[in-house]
Amino acid sequence: MKILSNSNTLITKNLILIISIIYNNQKLKNILKSKLNFLKNIKIKKYNKEINNLLKIIKYIKKICIINLKNPFI
């Protein structure tokens, strides 16, 4: 279980890095890092639910960034 937990943390860290580089947005990075810190402190059986929540946040932020790219003056 510990190996699974470590690999999920690594995947999550990589997601944060990739999205931060793509959007170059400090606020986004802070939101995702706070979510990652929360993930580290929960039990493994709840871990997958939190990963899904993180992915929902990523999709939401991605959607906002795409909208802002289409309408940069909003």
PDB file of N, CA and C in Angstrom:
ATOM      1  N   MET A   1       0.820  -1.192   0.000  1.00  0.00           N
ATOM      2  CA  MET A   1       0.000   0.000   0.000  1.00  0.00           C
ATOM      3  C   MET A   1       0.863   1.255   0.000  1.00  0.00           C
ATOM      4  N   LYS A   2       1.975   1.181   0.688  1.00  0.00           N
ATOM      5  CA  LYS A   2       2.841   2.357   0.745  1.00  0.00           C
ATOM      6  C   LYS A   2       3.397   2.689  -0.642  1.00  0.00           C
ATOM      7  N   ILE A   3       3.739   1.670  -1.412  1.00  0.00           N
ATOM      8  CA  ILE A   3       4.241   1.891  -2.773  1.00  0.00           C
ATOM      9  C   ILE A   3       3.159   2.548  -3.623  1.00  0.00           C
ATOM     10  N   LEU A   4       1.932   2.057  -3.507  1.00  0.00           N
ATOM     11  CA  LEU A   4       0.813   2.643  -4.246  1.00  0.00           C
ATOM     12  C   LEU A   4       0.642   4.112  -3.871  1.00  0.00           C
ATOM     13  N   SER A   5       0.708   4.371  -2.583  1.00  0.00           N
ATOM     14  CA  SER A   5       0.560   5.743  -2.100  1.00  0.00           C
ATOM     15  C   SER A   5       1.663   6.635  -2.663  1.00  0.00           C
ATOM     16  N   ASN A   6       2.888   6.139  -2.657  1.00  0.00           N
ATOM     17  CA  ASN A   6       4.005   6.932  -3.176  1.00  0.00           C
ATOM     18  C   ASN A   6       3.879   7.182  -4.669  1.00  0.00           C
ATOM     19  N   SER A   7       3.421   6.184  -5.414  1.00  0.00           N
ATOM     20  CA  SER A   7       3.286   6.374  -6.862  1.00  0.00           C
ATOM     21  C   SER A   7       2.164   7.364  -7.171  1.00  0.00           C
ATOM     22  N   ASN A   8       1.060   7.318  -6.416  1.00  0.00           N
ATOM     23  CA  ASN A   8      -0.016   8.287  -6.614  1.00  0.00           C
ATOM     24  C   ASN A   8       0.454   9.699  -6.302  1.00  0.00           C
ATOM     25  N   THR A   9       1.255   9.835  -5.259  1.00  0.00           N
ATOM     26  CA  THR A   9       1.798  11.147  -4.907  1.00  0.00           C
ATOM     27  C   THR A   9       2.700  11.657  -6.019  1.00  0.00           C
ATOM     28  N   LEU A  10       3.511  10.771  -6.577  1.00  0.00           N
ATOM     29  CA  LEU A  10       4.396  11.153  -7.676  1.00  0.00           C
ATOM     30  C   LEU A  10       3.590  11.587  -8.896  1.00  0.00           C
ATOM     31  N   ILE A  11       2.552  10.828  -9.220  1.00  0.00           N
ATOM     32  CA  ILE A  11       1.684  11.189 -10.350  1.00  0.00           C
ATOM     33  C   ILE A  11       1.049  12.551 -10.101  1.00  0.00           C
ATOM     34  N   THR A  12       0.568  12.757  -8.890  1.00  0.00           N
ATOM     35  CA  THR A  12      -0.073  14.027  -8.545  1.00  0.00           C
ATOM     36  C   THR A  12       0.916  15.179  -8.645  1.00  0.00           C
ATOM     37  N   LYS A  13       2.134  14.981  -8.153  1.00  0.00           N
ATOM     38  CA  LYS A  13       3.161  16.029  -8.255  1.00  0.00           C
ATOM     39  C   LYS A  13       3.463  16.344  -9.718  1.00  0.00           C
ATOM     40  N   ASN A  14       3.515  15.306 -10.541  1.00  0.00           N
ATOM     41  CA  ASN A  14       3.773  15.521 -11.964  1.00  0.00           C
ATOM     42  C   ASN A  14       2.633  16.285 -12.622  1.00  0.00           C
ATOM     43  N   LEU A  15       1.388  15.970 -12.243  1.00  0.00           N
ATOM     44  CA  LEU A  15       0.239  16.712 -12.763  1.00  0.00           C
ATOM     45  C   LEU A  15       0.349  18.190 -12.406  1.00  0.00           C
ATOM     46  N   ILE A  16       0.709  18.457 -11.170  1.00  0.00           N
ATOM     47  CA  ILE A  16       0.858  19.850 -10.728  1.00  0.00           C
ATOM     48  C   ILE A  16       1.929  20.551 -11.553  1.00  0.00           C
ATOM     49  N   LEU A  17       3.052  19.902 -11.733  1.00  0.00           N
ATOM     50  CA  LEU A  17       4.150  20.498 -12.493  1.00  0.00           C
ATOM     51  C   LEU A  17       3.746  20.760 -13.938  1.00  0.00           C
ATOM     52  N   ILE A  18       3.147  19.776 -14.585  1.00  0.00           N
ATOM     53  CA  ILE A  18       2.749  19.921 -15.991  1.00  0.00           C
ATOM     54  C   ILE A  18       1.746  21.049 -16.157  1.00  0.00           C
ATOM     55  N   ILE A  19       0.724  21.055 -15.319  1.00  0.00           N
ATOM     56  CA  ILE A  19      -0.307  22.085 -15.453  1.00  0.00           C
ATOM     57  C   ILE A  19       0.263  23.461 -15.131  1.00  0.00           C
ATOM     58  N   SER A  20       1.140  23.541 -14.155  1.00  0.00           N
ATOM     59  CA  SER A  20       1.759  24.825 -13.817  1.00  0.00           C
ATOM     60  C   SER A  20       2.598  25.357 -14.971  1.00  0.00           C
ATOM     61  N   ILE A  21       3.319  24.468 -15.625  1.00  0.00           N
ATOM     62  CA  ILE A  21       4.137  24.886 -16.767  1.00  0.00           C
ATOM     63  C   ILE A  21       3.250  25.333 -17.925  1.00  0.00           C
ATOM     64  N   ILE A  22       2.202  24.558 -18.212  1.00  0.00           N
ATOM     65  CA  ILE A  22       1.317  24.889 -19.335  1.00  0.00           C
ATOM     66  C   ILE A  22       0.669  26.246 -19.128  1.00  0.00           C
ATOM     67  N   TYR A  23       0.150  26.488 -17.948  1.00  0.00           N
ATOM     68  CA  TYR A  23      -0.617  27.711 -17.730  1.00  0.00           C
ATOM     69  C   TYR A  23       0.188  28.821 -17.057  1.00  0.00           C
ATOM     70  N   ASN A  24       1.355  28.480 -16.527  1.00  0.00           N
ATOM     71  CA  ASN A  24       2.238  29.457 -15.898  1.00  0.00           C
ATOM     72  C   ASN A  24       1.451  30.372 -14.954  1.00  0.00           C
ATOM     73  N   ASN A  25       0.749  29.746 -14.052  1.00  0.00           N
ATOM     74  CA  ASN A  25      -0.178  30.477 -13.207  1.00  0.00           C
ATOM     75  C   ASN A  25       0.103  30.138 -11.741  1.00  0.00           C
ATOM     76  N   GLN A  26       0.583  31.108 -10.981  1.00  0.00           N
ATOM     77  CA  GLN A  26       0.946  30.874  -9.583  1.00  0.00           C
ATOM     78  C   GLN A  26      -0.266  30.491  -8.733  1.00  0.00           C
ATOM     79  N   LYS A  27      -1.402  31.105  -9.005  1.00  0.00           N
ATOM     80  CA  LYS A  27      -2.607  30.799  -8.229  1.00  0.00           C
ATOM     81  C   LYS A  27      -3.019  29.342  -8.426  1.00  0.00           C
ATOM     82  N   LEU A  28      -2.974  28.886  -9.667  1.00  0.00           N
ATOM     83  CA  LEU A  28      -3.278  27.489  -9.975  1.00  0.00           C
ATOM     84  C   LEU A  28      -2.338  26.557  -9.219  1.00  0.00           C
ATOM     85  N   LYS A  29      -1.054  26.878  -9.244  1.00  0.00           N
ATOM     86  CA  LYS A  29      -0.063  26.042  -8.586  1.00  0.00           C
ATOM     87  C   LYS A  29      -0.354  25.949  -7.082  1.00  0.00           C
ATOM     88  N   ASN A  30      -0.724  27.070  -6.475  1.00  0.00           N
ATOM     89  CA  ASN A  30      -1.020  27.074  -5.044  1.00  0.00           C
ATOM     90  C   ASN A  30      -2.256  26.246  -4.711  1.00  0.00           C
ATOM     91  N   ILE A  31      -3.277  26.347  -5.546  1.00  0.00           N
ATOM     92  CA  ILE A  31      -4.498  25.558  -5.328  1.00  0.00           C
ATOM     93  C   ILE A  31      -4.179  24.066  -5.386  1.00  0.00           C
ATOM     94  N   LEU A  32      -3.435  23.665  -6.405  1.00  0.00           N
ATOM     95  CA  LEU A  32      -3.138  22.238  -6.567  1.00  0.00           C
ATOM     96  C   LEU A  32      -2.187  21.734  -5.486  1.00  0.00           C
ATOM     97  N   LYS A  33      -1.245  22.562  -5.068  1.00  0.00           N
ATOM     98  CA  LYS A  33      -0.333  22.150  -4.002  1.00  0.00           C
ATOM     99  C   LYS A  33      -1.077  21.963  -2.691  1.00  0.00           C
ATOM    100  N   SER A  34      -2.026  22.837  -2.409  1.00  0.00           N
ATOM    101  CA  SER A  34      -2.794  22.674  -1.173  1.00  0.00           C
ATOM    102  C   SER A  34      -3.607  21.382  -1.221  1.00  0.00           C
ATOM    103  N   LYS A  35      -4.138  21.057  -2.405  1.00  0.00           N
ATOM    104  CA  LYS A  35      -4.876  19.802  -2.565  1.00  0.00           C
ATOM    105  C   LYS A  35      -3.931  18.611  -2.375  1.00  0.00           C
ATOM    106  N   LEU A  36      -2.729  18.701  -2.909  1.00  0.00           N
ATOM    107  CA  LEU A  36      -1.747  17.632  -2.748  1.00  0.00           C
ATOM    108  C   LEU A  36      -1.401  17.427  -1.275  1.00  0.00           C
ATOM    109  N   ASN A  37      -1.213  18.513  -0.542  1.00  0.00           N
ATOM    110  CA  ASN A  37      -0.904  18.395   0.882  1.00  0.00           C
ATOM    111  C   ASN A  37      -2.027  17.694   1.630  1.00  0.00           C
ATOM    112  N   PHE A  38      -3.259  17.974   1.232  1.00  0.00           N
ATOM    113  CA  PHE A  38      -4.397  17.287   1.838  1.00  0.00           C
ATOM    114  C   PHE A  38      -4.351  15.793   1.520  1.00  0.00           C
ATOM    115  N   LEU A  39      -4.008  15.460   0.284  1.00  0.00           N
ATOM    116  CA  LEU A  39      -3.940  14.048  -0.124  1.00  0.00           C
ATOM    117  C   LEU A  39      -2.930  13.269   0.711  1.00  0.00           C
ATOM    118  N   LYS A  40      -1.832  13.899   1.054  1.00  0.00           N
ATOM    119  CA  LYS A  40      -0.784  13.215   1.809  1.00  0.00           C
ATOM    120  C   LYS A  40      -1.254  12.822   3.207  1.00  0.00           C
ATOM    121  N   ASN A  41      -2.248  13.543   3.729  1.00  0.00           N
ATOM    122  CA  ASN A  41      -2.654  13.338   5.114  1.00  0.00           C
ATOM    123  C   ASN A  41      -3.872  12.446   5.301  1.00  0.00           C
ATOM    124  N   ILE A  42      -4.387  11.857   4.238  1.00  0.00           N
ATOM    125  CA  ILE A  42      -5.583  11.025   4.388  1.00  0.00           C
ATOM    126  C   ILE A  42      -5.245   9.549   4.245  1.00  0.00           C
ATOM    127  N   LYS A  43      -6.163   8.717   4.665  1.00  0.00           N
ATOM    128  CA  LYS A  43      -5.955   7.268   4.599  1.00  0.00           C
ATOM    129  C   LYS A  43      -6.037   6.783   3.158  1.00  0.00           C
ATOM    130  N   ILE A  44      -5.392   5.633   2.909  1.00  0.00           N
ATOM    131  CA  ILE A  44      -5.267   5.125   1.539  1.00  0.00           C
ATOM    132  C   ILE A  44      -6.625   4.809   0.912  1.00  0.00           C
ATOM    133  N   LYS A  45      -7.602   4.331   1.672  1.00  0.00           N
ATOM    134  CA  LYS A  45      -8.887   3.976   1.062  1.00  0.00           C
ATOM    135  C   LYS A  45      -9.650   5.207   0.580  1.00  0.00           C
ATOM    136  N   LYS A  46      -9.347   6.369   1.129  1.00  0.00           N
ATOM    137  CA  LYS A  46      -9.972   7.600   0.662  1.00  0.00           C
ATOM    138  C   LYS A  46      -9.139   8.252  -0.441  1.00  0.00           C
ATOM    139  N   TYR A  47      -7.985   7.718  -0.676  1.00  0.00           N
ATOM    140  CA  TYR A  47      -7.029   8.360  -1.585  1.00  0.00           C
ATOM    141  C   TYR A  47      -7.574   8.500  -2.998  1.00  0.00           C
ATOM    142  N   ASN A  48      -8.167   7.431  -3.533  1.00  0.00           N
ATOM    143  CA  ASN A  48      -8.665   7.473  -4.910  1.00  0.00           C
ATOM    144  C   ASN A  48      -9.759   8.506  -5.091  1.00  0.00           C
ATOM    145  N   LYS A  49     -10.615   8.658  -4.090  1.00  0.00           N
ATOM    146  CA  LYS A  49     -11.665   9.676  -4.151  1.00  0.00           C
ATOM    147  C   LYS A  49     -11.037  11.067  -4.244  1.00  0.00           C
ATOM    148  N   GLU A  50      -9.994  11.297  -3.480  1.00  0.00           N
ATOM    149  CA  GLU A  50      -9.334  12.603  -3.495  1.00  0.00           C
ATOM    150  C   GLU A  50      -8.585  12.850  -4.801  1.00  0.00           C
ATOM    151  N   ILE A  51      -8.019  11.797  -5.373  1.00  0.00           N
ATOM    152  CA  ILE A  51      -7.384  11.936  -6.690  1.00  0.00           C
ATOM    153  C   ILE A  51      -8.430  12.360  -7.715  1.00  0.00           C
ATOM    154  N   ASN A  52      -9.604  11.744  -7.655  1.00  0.00           N
ATOM    155  CA  ASN A  52     -10.684  12.125  -8.573  1.00  0.00           C
ATOM    156  C   ASN A  52     -11.102  13.572  -8.364  1.00  0.00           C
ATOM    157  N   ASN A  53     -11.166  13.998  -7.112  1.00  0.00           N
ATOM    158  CA  ASN A  53     -11.497  15.397  -6.829  1.00  0.00           C
ATOM    159  C   ASN A  53     -10.438  16.333  -7.394  1.00  0.00           C
ATOM    160  N   LEU A  54      -9.184  15.937  -7.268  1.00  0.00           N
ATOM    161  CA  LEU A  54      -8.092  16.743  -7.824  1.00  0.00           C
ATOM    162  C   LEU A  54      -8.234  16.854  -9.338  1.00  0.00           C
ATOM    163  N   LEU A  55      -8.558  15.748  -9.986  1.00  0.00           N
ATOM    164  CA  LEU A  55      -8.726  15.769 -11.437  1.00  0.00           C
ATOM    165  C   LEU A  55      -9.896  16.658 -11.850  1.00  0.00           C
ATOM    166  N   LYS A  56     -10.965  16.675 -11.043  1.00  0.00           N
ATOM    167  CA  LYS A  56     -12.092  17.576 -11.318  1.00  0.00           C
ATOM    168  C   LYS A  56     -11.651  19.035 -11.218  1.00  0.00           C
ATOM    169  N   ILE A  57     -10.850  19.331 -10.210  1.00  0.00           N
ATOM    170  CA  ILE A  57     -10.331  20.696 -10.048  1.00  0.00           C
ATOM    171  C   ILE A  57      -9.470  21.072 -11.249  1.00  0.00           C
ATOM    172  N   ILE A  58      -8.621  20.137 -11.683  1.00  0.00           N
ATOM    173  CA  ILE A  58      -7.756  20.390 -12.836  1.00  0.00           C
ATOM    174  C   ILE A  58      -8.596  20.677 -14.076  1.00  0.00           C
ATOM    175  N   LYS A  59      -9.639  19.869 -14.311  1.00  0.00           N
ATOM    176  CA  LYS A  59     -10.507  20.094 -15.473  1.00  0.00           C
ATOM    177  C   LYS A  59     -11.185  21.457 -15.390  1.00  0.00           C
ATOM    178  N   TYR A  60     -11.644  21.812 -14.213  1.00  0.00           N
ATOM    179  CA  TYR A  60     -12.326  23.090 -14.020  1.00  0.00           C
ATOM    180  C   TYR A  60     -11.374  24.259 -14.303  1.00  0.00           C
ATOM    181  N   ILE A  61     -10.177  24.178 -13.747  1.00  0.00           N
ATOM    182  CA  ILE A  61      -9.198  25.253 -13.945  1.00  0.00           C
ATOM    183  C   ILE A  61      -8.774  25.317 -15.409  1.00  0.00           C
ATOM    184  N   LYS A  62      -8.616  24.159 -16.036  1.00  0.00           N
ATOM    185  CA  LYS A  62      -8.265  24.101 -17.448  1.00  0.00           C
ATOM    186  C   LYS A  62      -9.337  24.792 -18.289  1.00  0.00           C
ATOM    187  N   LYS A  63     -10.601  24.514 -17.959  1.00  0.00           N
ATOM    188  CA  LYS A  63     -11.722  25.125 -18.667  1.00  0.00           C
ATOM    189  C   LYS A  63     -11.679  26.648 -18.520  1.00  0.00           C
ATOM    190  N   ILE A  64     -11.432  27.118 -17.321  1.00  0.00           N
ATOM    191  CA  ILE A  64     -11.336  28.563 -17.080  1.00  0.00           C
ATOM    192  C   ILE A  64     -10.187  29.161 -17.889  1.00  0.00           C
ATOM    193  N   CYS A  65      -9.047  28.476 -17.898  1.00  0.00           N
ATOM    194  CA  CYS A  65      -7.883  28.979 -18.642  1.00  0.00           C
ATOM    195  C   CYS A  65      -8.182  29.034 -20.137  1.00  0.00           C
ATOM    196  N   ILE A  66      -8.874  28.033 -20.668  1.00  0.00           N
ATOM    197  CA  ILE A  66      -9.221  28.021 -22.097  1.00  0.00           C
ATOM    198  C   ILE A  66     -10.174  29.168 -22.406  1.00  0.00           C
ATOM    199  N   ILE A  67     -11.157  29.390 -21.541  1.00  0.00           N
ATOM    200  CA  ILE A  67     -12.089  30.512 -21.728  1.00  0.00           C
ATOM    201  C   ILE A  67     -11.315  31.831 -21.718  1.00  0.00           C
ATOM    202  N   ASN A  68     -10.370  31.963 -20.806  1.00  0.00           N
ATOM    203  CA  ASN A  68      -9.578  33.191 -20.718  1.00  0.00           C
ATOM    204  C   ASN A  68      -8.678  33.381 -21.932  1.00  0.00           C
ATOM    205  N   LEU A  69      -8.227  32.282 -22.525  1.00  0.00           N
ATOM    206  CA  LEU A  69      -7.423  32.388 -23.741  1.00  0.00           C
ATOM    207  C   LEU A  69      -8.274  32.897 -24.901  1.00  0.00           C
ATOM    208  N   LYS A  70      -9.538  32.441 -24.938  1.00  0.00           N
ATOM    209  CA  LYS A  70     -10.435  32.889 -26.000  1.00  0.00           C
ATOM    210  C   LYS A  70     -10.848  34.345 -25.794  1.00  0.00           C
ATOM    211  N   ASN A  71     -10.967  34.754 -24.542  1.00  0.00           N
ATOM    212  CA  ASN A  71     -11.396  36.111 -24.198  1.00  0.00           C
ATOM    213  C   ASN A  71     -10.383  36.724 -23.224  1.00  0.00           C
ATOM    214  N   PRO A  72      -9.219  37.093 -23.710  1.00  0.00           N
ATOM    215  CA  PRO A  72      -8.138  37.505 -22.804  1.00  0.00           C
ATOM    216  C   PRO A  72      -8.421  38.780 -22.012  1.00  0.00           C
ATOM    217  N   PHE A  73      -9.433  39.550 -22.410  1.00  0.00           N
ATOM    218  CA  PHE A  73      -9.680  40.814 -21.724  1.00  0.00           C
ATOM    219  C   PHE A  73     -10.753  40.712 -20.654  1.00  0.00           C
ATOM    220  N   ILE A  74     -11.230  39.500 -20.403  1.00  0.00           N
ATOM    221  CA  ILE A  74     -12.248  39.314 -19.358  1.00  0.00           C
ATOM    222  C   ILE A  74     -11.561  39.335 -18.005  1.00  0.00           C
TER     223      ILE A  74
END
